[in-house]
Amino acid sequence: TSFFQPKPEPLIGLDIGEAGLGWVELAPAGRGELRLESCGVEALEPGCIVAGHIERFDEVTAALQRLTLAAGSRH
């Protein structure tokens, strides 16, 4: 890479399940390797997600906001 090329953005993985949300943020560490930048888990109340469908969107959104703040992500 060149000095003038922007640094690659981190990869973000979000797992949305009936029991909770999972967050992983990976950043390039050089030589094709990745470094864990942040991670976290936030529990959801029963009934927020049923059979793979979001039933209570506002509650899932609030949980995702809490999760990203707790994980310390800047993205």
C-alpha atoms as a PDB file:
ATOM      1  CA  THR A   1       0.000   0.000   0.000  1.00  0.00           C
ATOM      2  CA  SER A   2       1.022   3.548  -0.622  1.00  0.00           C
ATOM      3  CA  PHE A   3       1.526   6.221   2.011  1.00  0.00           C
ATOM      4  CA  PHE A   4      -1.321   8.209   0.453  1.00  0.00           C
ATOM      5  CA  GLN A   5      -3.879   5.399   0.359  1.00  0.00           C
ATOM      6  CA  PRO A   6      -6.463   5.435   3.148  1.00  0.00           C
ATOM      7  CA  LYS A   7      -6.233   2.841   5.882  1.00  0.00           C
ATOM      8  CA  PRO A   8      -8.715  -0.020   5.338  1.00  0.00           C
ATOM      9  CA  GLU A   9     -11.853   0.149   7.463  1.00  0.00           C
ATOM     10  CA  PRO A  10     -12.367  -2.525  10.119  1.00  0.00           C
ATOM     11  CA  LEU A  11     -14.627  -5.502   9.511  1.00  0.00           C
ATOM     12  CA  ILE A  12     -17.714  -5.643  11.698  1.00  0.00           C
ATOM     13  CA  GLY A  13     -19.644  -8.803  12.462  1.00  0.00           C
ATOM     14  CA  LEU A  14     -23.083  -8.653  14.035  1.00  0.00           C
ATOM     15  CA  ASP A  15     -24.891 -11.783  15.201  1.00  0.00           C
ATOM     16  CA  ILE A  16     -28.604 -11.281  15.815  1.00  0.00           C
ATOM     17  CA  GLY A  17     -30.222 -14.149  17.676  1.00  0.00           C
ATOM     18  CA  GLU A  18     -33.353 -14.728  19.724  1.00  0.00           C
ATOM     19  CA  ALA A  19     -31.375 -14.569  22.989  1.00  0.00           C
ATOM     20  CA  GLY A  20     -29.183 -11.552  22.202  1.00  0.00           C
ATOM     21  CA  LEU A  21     -26.836  -9.614  19.958  1.00  0.00           C
ATOM     22  CA  GLY A  22     -23.137 -10.292  19.431  1.00  0.00           C
ATOM     23  CA  TRP A  23     -20.606  -7.768  18.070  1.00  0.00           C
ATOM     24  CA  VAL A  24     -17.054  -8.291  16.778  1.00  0.00           C
ATOM     25  CA  GLU A  25     -14.838  -5.641  15.182  1.00  0.00           C
ATOM     26  CA  LEU A  26     -11.636  -6.747  13.409  1.00  0.00           C
ATOM     27  CA  ALA A  27      -8.970  -4.428  11.987  1.00  0.00           C
ATOM     28  CA  PRO A  28      -6.115  -5.217   9.590  1.00  0.00           C
ATOM     29  CA  ALA A  29      -2.902  -5.926  11.504  1.00  0.00           C
ATOM     30  CA  GLY A  30      -0.550  -6.234   8.523  1.00  0.00           C
ATOM     31  CA  ARG A  31       0.604  -9.209   6.462  1.00  0.00           C
ATOM     32  CA  GLY A  32      -2.993 -10.297   5.901  1.00  0.00           C
ATOM     33  CA  GLU A  33      -3.709 -10.758   9.598  1.00  0.00           C
ATOM     34  CA  LEU A  34      -6.584  -9.327  11.612  1.00  0.00           C
ATOM     35  CA  ARG A  35      -6.599  -7.849  15.113  1.00  0.00           C
ATOM     36  CA  LEU A  36      -9.591  -7.845  17.461  1.00  0.00           C
ATOM     37  CA  GLU A  37     -10.547  -4.217  18.091  1.00  0.00           C
ATOM     38  CA  SER A  38     -13.707  -4.707  20.148  1.00  0.00           C
ATOM     39  CA  CYS A  39     -16.380  -7.241  20.973  1.00  0.00           C
ATOM     40  CA  GLY A  40     -19.453  -7.540  23.120  1.00  0.00           C
ATOM     41  CA  VAL A  41     -22.743  -9.275  23.828  1.00  0.00           C
ATOM     42  CA  GLU A  42     -26.105  -7.743  24.738  1.00  0.00           C
ATOM     43  CA  ALA A  43     -29.026  -9.864  25.941  1.00  0.00           C
ATOM     44  CA  LEU A  44     -32.517  -9.388  24.496  1.00  0.00           C
ATOM     45  CA  GLU A  45     -35.805  -9.837  26.301  1.00  0.00           C
ATOM     46  CA  PRO A  46     -37.827 -12.865  25.236  1.00  0.00           C
ATOM     47  CA  GLY A  47     -40.122 -12.110  22.302  1.00  0.00           C
ATOM     48  CA  CYS A  48     -37.961  -9.430  20.667  1.00  0.00           C
ATOM     49  CA  ILE A  49     -36.981 -11.864  17.912  1.00  0.00           C
ATOM     50  CA  VAL A  50     -39.268 -14.779  17.104  1.00  0.00           C
ATOM     51  CA  ALA A  51     -38.485 -17.450  14.491  1.00  0.00           C
ATOM     52  CA  GLY A  52     -35.809 -15.261  12.896  1.00  0.00           C
ATOM     53  CA  HIS A  53     -38.022 -12.177  12.596  1.00  0.00           C
ATOM     54  CA  ILE A  54     -37.631  -8.956  14.571  1.00  0.00           C
ATOM     55  CA  GLU A  55     -40.915  -8.423  16.406  1.00  0.00           C
ATOM     56  CA  ARG A  56     -39.917  -5.478  18.619  1.00  0.00           C
ATOM     57  CA  PHE A  57     -37.697  -3.329  16.427  1.00  0.00           C
ATOM     58  CA  ASP A  58     -37.300  -0.448  18.907  1.00  0.00           C
ATOM     59  CA  GLU A  59     -36.018  -2.746  21.662  1.00  0.00           C
ATOM     60  CA  VAL A  60     -33.544  -4.459  19.312  1.00  0.00           C
ATOM     61  CA  THR A  61     -32.324  -1.052  18.095  1.00  0.00           C
ATOM     62  CA  ALA A  62     -31.822   0.154  21.678  1.00  0.00           C
ATOM     63  CA  ALA A  63     -29.891  -3.042  22.498  1.00  0.00           C
ATOM     64  CA  LEU A  64     -27.660  -2.527  19.454  1.00  0.00           C
ATOM     65  CA  GLN A  65     -26.930   1.063  20.522  1.00  0.00           C
ATOM     66  CA  ARG A  66     -26.023  -0.104  24.040  1.00  0.00           C
ATOM     67  CA  LEU A  67     -23.832  -2.829  22.570  1.00  0.00           C
ATOM     68  CA  THR A  68     -21.837  -0.518  20.303  1.00  0.00           C
ATOM     69  CA  LEU A  69     -21.285   1.935  23.173  1.00  0.00           C
ATOM     70  CA  ALA A  70     -20.194  -0.842  25.533  1.00  0.00           C
ATOM     71  CA  ALA A  71     -17.862  -2.333  22.924  1.00  0.00           C
ATOM     72  CA  GLY A  72     -16.253   1.088  22.404  1.00  0.00           C
ATOM     73  CA  SER A  73     -16.625   0.997  18.638  1.00  0.00           C
ATOM     74  CA  ARG A  74     -16.022   4.158  16.645  1.00  0.00           C
ATOM     75  CA  HIS A  75     -17.811   2.768  13.563  1.00  0.00           C
END
